[in-house]
């Protein structure tokens, strides 16, 4: 039986720009809820890249290179797997975006 890993929350906090601020002199904490969720820096950067380079409506999808779609699928599958591991979910379908 392997020992459970401890999460270094200071490292996790660095990924979330919203948590890099103070309220009443104390580090901001945020409890997620069904209404919204905070985005890690990696997601924000990916969204900025998407809007700057790949944004298109459904009618333009025919001109998106298949290699780009394959790469996007590969990255999303990898991200899904990492989130499953982080959340200690029993299987990938348990985690949703």
N, C-alpha and C. Protein backbone atom coordinates (compact mmCIF):
# COMPACT_ATOMS: atom_id res chain seq x y z
N UNK A 1 0.84 -1.17 0.00
CA UNK A 1 0.00 0.00 0.00
C UNK A 1 0.90 1.24 0.00
N UNK A 2 0.65 2.17 -0.91
CA UNK A 2 1.49 3.36 -0.98
C UNK A 2 0.90 4.47 -0.10
N UNK A 3 1.81 5.30 0.39
CA UNK A 3 1.37 6.41 1.23
C UNK A 3 0.67 7.46 0.37
N UNK A 4 -0.36 8.07 0.92
CA UNK A 4 -1.08 9.12 0.19
C UNK A 4 -0.18 10.34 0.04
N UNK A 5 -0.24 10.96 -1.13
CA UNK A 5 0.54 12.18 -1.37
C UNK A 5 -0.19 13.36 -0.75
N UNK A 6 0.60 14.27 -0.20
CA UNK A 6 0.01 15.51 0.33
C UNK A 6 0.03 16.56 -0.78
N UNK A 7 -0.99 17.35 -0.81
CA UNK A 7 -1.09 18.41 -1.82
C UNK A 7 -0.44 19.66 -1.27
N UNK A 8 0.47 20.23 -2.04
CA UNK A 8 1.10 21.50 -1.67
C UNK A 8 0.19 22.62 -2.17
N UNK A 9 -0.65 23.15 -1.30
CA UNK A 9 -1.65 24.13 -1.71
C UNK A 9 -1.04 25.43 -2.18
N UNK A 10 0.16 25.76 -1.71
CA UNK A 10 0.81 26.99 -2.18
C UNK A 10 1.15 26.87 -3.66
N UNK A 11 1.49 25.68 -4.12
CA UNK A 11 1.77 25.46 -5.54
C UNK A 11 0.47 25.53 -6.34
N UNK A 12 -0.59 24.94 -5.81
CA UNK A 12 -1.89 24.98 -6.49
C UNK A 12 -2.38 26.42 -6.59
N UNK A 13 -2.26 27.19 -5.52
CA UNK A 13 -2.71 28.59 -5.51
C UNK A 13 -2.02 29.41 -6.60
N UNK A 14 -0.75 29.12 -6.89
CA UNK A 14 0.00 29.86 -7.91
C UNK A 14 -0.63 29.71 -9.29
N UNK A 15 -1.35 28.63 -9.53
CA UNK A 15 -2.00 28.41 -10.83
C UNK A 15 -3.27 29.23 -11.01
N UNK A 16 -3.79 29.81 -9.94
CA UNK A 16 -5.06 30.54 -9.99
C UNK A 16 -4.81 32.02 -9.71
N UNK A 17 -4.77 32.85 -10.76
CA UNK A 17 -4.49 34.27 -10.57
C UNK A 17 -5.41 34.97 -9.58
N UNK A 18 -6.68 34.57 -9.52
CA UNK A 18 -7.62 35.22 -8.61
C UNK A 18 -7.19 35.06 -7.15
N UNK A 19 -6.45 34.02 -6.84
CA UNK A 19 -6.04 33.77 -5.46
C UNK A 19 -4.78 34.54 -5.08
N UNK A 20 -4.24 35.30 -6.03
CA UNK A 20 -3.03 36.08 -5.77
C UNK A 20 -3.42 37.49 -5.31
N UNK A 21 -4.33 37.56 -4.36
CA UNK A 21 -4.76 38.84 -3.80
C UNK A 21 -5.19 38.63 -2.35
N UNK A 22 -5.29 39.75 -1.66
CA UNK A 22 -5.69 39.70 -0.26
C UNK A 22 -7.01 40.42 -0.05
N UNK A 23 -7.75 39.97 0.95
CA UNK A 23 -8.99 40.62 1.38
C UNK A 23 -8.85 40.87 2.87
N UNK A 24 -8.97 42.13 3.27
CA UNK A 24 -8.79 42.52 4.68
C UNK A 24 -7.45 42.03 5.23
N UNK A 25 -6.43 42.09 4.38
CA UNK A 25 -5.08 41.71 4.81
C UNK A 25 -4.83 40.22 4.88
N UNK A 26 -5.77 39.41 4.44
CA UNK A 26 -5.63 37.95 4.47
C UNK A 26 -5.64 37.39 3.05
N UNK A 27 -4.93 36.29 2.80
CA UNK A 27 -4.99 35.68 1.46
C UNK A 27 -6.43 35.30 1.12
N UNK A 28 -6.82 35.60 -0.12
CA UNK A 28 -8.17 35.26 -0.58
C UNK A 28 -8.33 33.74 -0.63
N UNK A 29 -9.47 33.27 -0.14
CA UNK A 29 -9.84 31.86 -0.33
C UNK A 29 -11.12 31.86 -1.15
N UNK A 30 -11.34 30.79 -1.86
CA UNK A 30 -12.51 30.72 -2.74
C UNK A 30 -13.09 29.32 -2.65
N UNK A 31 -14.34 29.23 -2.32
CA UNK A 31 -15.03 27.95 -2.30
C UNK A 31 -15.84 27.84 -3.59
N UNK A 32 -15.51 26.87 -4.41
CA UNK A 32 -16.17 26.69 -5.69
C UNK A 32 -17.63 26.31 -5.47
N UNK A 33 -18.45 26.63 -6.48
CA UNK A 33 -19.86 26.27 -6.40
C UNK A 33 -20.39 26.00 -7.79
N UNK A 34 -21.63 25.64 -7.89
CA UNK A 34 -22.20 25.28 -9.18
C UNK A 34 -22.39 26.48 -10.10
N UNK A 35 -22.39 27.69 -9.55
CA UNK A 35 -22.64 28.88 -10.37
C UNK A 35 -21.44 29.25 -11.24
N UNK A 36 -20.25 29.05 -10.73
CA UNK A 36 -19.04 29.41 -11.49
C UNK A 36 -17.84 28.66 -10.92
N UNK A 37 -16.73 28.75 -11.60
CA UNK A 37 -15.50 28.18 -11.08
C UNK A 37 -14.34 29.06 -11.51
N UNK A 38 -13.31 29.08 -10.72
CA UNK A 38 -12.11 29.84 -11.05
C UNK A 38 -11.27 29.04 -12.03
N UNK A 39 -10.55 29.74 -12.87
CA UNK A 39 -9.76 29.08 -13.91
C UNK A 39 -8.28 29.17 -13.58
N UNK A 40 -7.54 28.06 -13.73
CA UNK A 40 -6.10 28.13 -13.54
C UNK A 40 -5.45 28.87 -14.70
N UNK A 41 -4.25 29.39 -14.47
CA UNK A 41 -3.51 30.14 -15.47
C UNK A 41 -3.43 29.39 -16.80
N UNK A 42 -3.23 28.06 -16.76
CA UNK A 42 -3.10 27.28 -17.98
C UNK A 42 -4.37 27.36 -18.83
N UNK A 43 -5.53 27.35 -18.19
CA UNK A 43 -6.80 27.43 -18.92
C UNK A 43 -6.97 28.84 -19.48
N UNK A 44 -6.65 29.85 -18.69
CA UNK A 44 -6.76 31.23 -19.17
C UNK A 44 -5.86 31.43 -20.39
N UNK A 45 -4.62 30.95 -20.31
CA UNK A 45 -3.69 31.08 -21.45
C UNK A 45 -4.21 30.34 -22.68
N UNK A 46 -4.78 29.15 -22.47
CA UNK A 46 -5.32 28.38 -23.60
C UNK A 46 -6.51 29.10 -24.23
N UNK A 47 -7.37 29.71 -23.39
CA UNK A 47 -8.51 30.45 -23.93
C UNK A 47 -8.06 31.68 -24.71
N UNK A 48 -7.07 32.39 -24.19
CA UNK A 48 -6.54 33.56 -24.91
C UNK A 48 -5.99 33.11 -26.25
N UNK A 49 -5.21 32.02 -26.25
CA UNK A 49 -4.66 31.51 -27.52
C UNK A 49 -5.79 31.14 -28.48
N UNK A 50 -6.81 30.47 -27.97
CA UNK A 50 -7.95 30.08 -28.80
C UNK A 50 -8.60 31.31 -29.44
N UNK A 51 -8.91 32.32 -28.62
CA UNK A 51 -9.59 33.50 -29.15
C UNK A 51 -8.70 34.29 -30.12
N UNK A 52 -7.39 34.24 -29.90
CA UNK A 52 -6.49 34.97 -30.79
C UNK A 52 -6.19 34.23 -32.08
N UNK A 53 -6.28 32.88 -32.08
CA UNK A 53 -5.82 32.12 -33.24
C UNK A 53 -6.84 31.17 -33.86
N UNK A 54 -7.77 30.65 -33.07
CA UNK A 54 -8.60 29.56 -33.57
C UNK A 54 -10.10 29.80 -33.51
N UNK A 55 -10.54 30.90 -32.96
CA UNK A 55 -11.97 31.15 -32.78
C UNK A 55 -12.70 31.12 -34.13
N UNK A 56 -13.76 30.38 -34.20
CA UNK A 56 -14.55 30.30 -35.44
C UNK A 56 -15.95 29.84 -35.11
N UNK A 57 -16.90 30.22 -35.95
CA UNK A 57 -18.25 29.72 -35.74
C UNK A 57 -18.39 28.34 -36.38
N UNK A 58 -19.50 27.70 -36.17
CA UNK A 58 -19.70 26.33 -36.66
C UNK A 58 -19.57 26.21 -38.17
N UNK A 59 -19.90 27.26 -38.90
CA UNK A 59 -19.86 27.20 -40.35
C UNK A 59 -18.44 27.24 -40.89
N UNK A 60 -17.49 27.62 -40.06
CA UNK A 60 -16.10 27.71 -40.50
C UNK A 60 -15.29 26.47 -40.11
N UNK A 61 -15.89 25.56 -39.40
CA UNK A 61 -15.16 24.38 -38.94
C UNK A 61 -14.56 23.56 -40.07
N UNK A 62 -15.13 23.65 -41.26
CA UNK A 62 -14.61 22.88 -42.38
C UNK A 62 -13.18 23.28 -42.74
N UNK A 63 -12.76 24.49 -42.37
CA UNK A 63 -11.41 24.92 -42.72
C UNK A 63 -10.41 24.72 -41.59
N UNK A 64 -10.85 24.18 -40.46
CA UNK A 64 -9.92 23.88 -39.37
C UNK A 64 -9.15 22.62 -39.74
N UNK A 65 -7.81 22.71 -39.73
CA UNK A 65 -7.01 21.52 -40.10
C UNK A 65 -7.28 20.34 -39.15
N UNK A 66 -7.36 19.16 -39.71
CA UNK A 66 -7.59 17.96 -38.91
C UNK A 66 -6.49 17.76 -37.88
N UNK A 67 -5.26 18.15 -38.22
CA UNK A 67 -4.16 17.99 -37.27
C UNK A 67 -4.40 18.83 -36.02
N UNK A 68 -4.98 20.01 -36.19
CA UNK A 68 -5.30 20.86 -35.04
C UNK A 68 -6.37 20.21 -34.18
N UNK A 69 -7.38 19.65 -34.80
CA UNK A 69 -8.44 18.98 -34.05
C UNK A 69 -7.91 17.77 -33.30
N UNK A 70 -7.02 16.99 -33.94
CA UNK A 70 -6.42 15.83 -33.27
C UNK A 70 -5.59 16.26 -32.07
N UNK A 71 -4.82 17.34 -32.24
CA UNK A 71 -3.99 17.84 -31.15
C UNK A 71 -4.86 18.34 -30.00
N UNK A 72 -5.93 19.05 -30.32
CA UNK A 72 -6.85 19.54 -29.30
C UNK A 72 -7.46 18.38 -28.53
N UNK A 73 -7.88 17.34 -29.23
CA UNK A 73 -8.46 16.16 -28.58
C UNK A 73 -7.43 15.49 -27.67
N UNK A 74 -6.18 15.39 -28.15
CA UNK A 74 -5.11 14.77 -27.37
C UNK A 74 -4.87 15.56 -26.08
N UNK A 75 -4.79 16.87 -26.19
CA UNK A 75 -4.54 17.71 -25.03
C UNK A 75 -5.70 17.63 -24.04
N UNK A 76 -6.93 17.66 -24.54
CA UNK A 76 -8.09 17.58 -23.65
C UNK A 76 -8.15 16.24 -22.93
N UNK A 77 -7.82 15.16 -23.64
CA UNK A 77 -7.82 13.84 -23.01
C UNK A 77 -6.76 13.78 -21.91
N UNK A 78 -5.60 14.35 -22.17
CA UNK A 78 -4.53 14.38 -21.17
C UNK A 78 -4.95 15.22 -19.96
N UNK A 79 -5.56 16.36 -20.20
CA UNK A 79 -6.04 17.22 -19.12
C UNK A 79 -7.11 16.50 -18.30
N UNK A 80 -8.02 15.83 -18.97
CA UNK A 80 -9.08 15.08 -18.28
C UNK A 80 -8.47 14.03 -17.36
N UNK A 81 -7.46 13.33 -17.85
CA UNK A 81 -6.79 12.29 -17.06
C UNK A 81 -6.11 12.91 -15.83
N UNK A 82 -5.44 14.05 -16.03
CA UNK A 82 -4.76 14.71 -14.90
C UNK A 82 -5.76 15.20 -13.86
N UNK A 83 -6.89 15.74 -14.31
CA UNK A 83 -7.92 16.19 -13.38
C UNK A 83 -8.51 15.02 -12.61
N UNK A 84 -8.69 13.90 -13.28
CA UNK A 84 -9.20 12.70 -12.62
C UNK A 84 -8.24 12.30 -11.49
N UNK A 85 -6.95 12.34 -11.80
CA UNK A 85 -5.94 11.97 -10.81
C UNK A 85 -5.93 12.97 -9.65
N UNK A 86 -5.98 14.27 -9.96
CA UNK A 86 -5.97 15.30 -8.92
C UNK A 86 -7.18 15.18 -8.01
N UNK A 87 -8.34 14.92 -8.61
CA UNK A 87 -9.57 14.81 -7.82
C UNK A 87 -9.73 13.43 -7.19
N UNK A 88 -8.80 12.53 -7.48
CA UNK A 88 -8.85 11.16 -6.98
C UNK A 88 -10.18 10.50 -7.35
N UNK A 89 -10.64 10.79 -8.56
CA UNK A 89 -11.89 10.21 -9.06
C UNK A 89 -11.62 8.77 -9.51
N UNK A 90 -12.59 7.89 -9.37
CA UNK A 90 -12.38 6.48 -9.74
C UNK A 90 -12.20 6.26 -11.24
N UNK A 91 -12.77 7.15 -12.06
CA UNK A 91 -12.63 6.99 -13.50
C UNK A 91 -12.86 8.34 -14.17
N UNK A 92 -12.41 8.48 -15.40
CA UNK A 92 -12.52 9.76 -16.10
C UNK A 92 -13.95 10.27 -16.26
N UNK A 93 -14.93 9.44 -16.58
CA UNK A 93 -16.27 10.00 -16.75
C UNK A 93 -16.83 10.68 -15.49
N UNK A 94 -16.22 10.41 -14.35
CA UNK A 94 -16.65 11.04 -13.11
C UNK A 94 -16.35 12.53 -13.13
N UNK A 95 -15.28 12.93 -13.84
CA UNK A 95 -14.90 14.35 -13.88
C UNK A 95 -15.48 14.97 -15.14
N UNK A 96 -16.04 16.16 -14.96
CA UNK A 96 -16.62 16.87 -16.09
C UNK A 96 -16.09 18.29 -16.13
N UNK A 97 -16.23 18.92 -17.29
CA UNK A 97 -15.80 20.31 -17.45
C UNK A 97 -17.02 21.19 -17.47
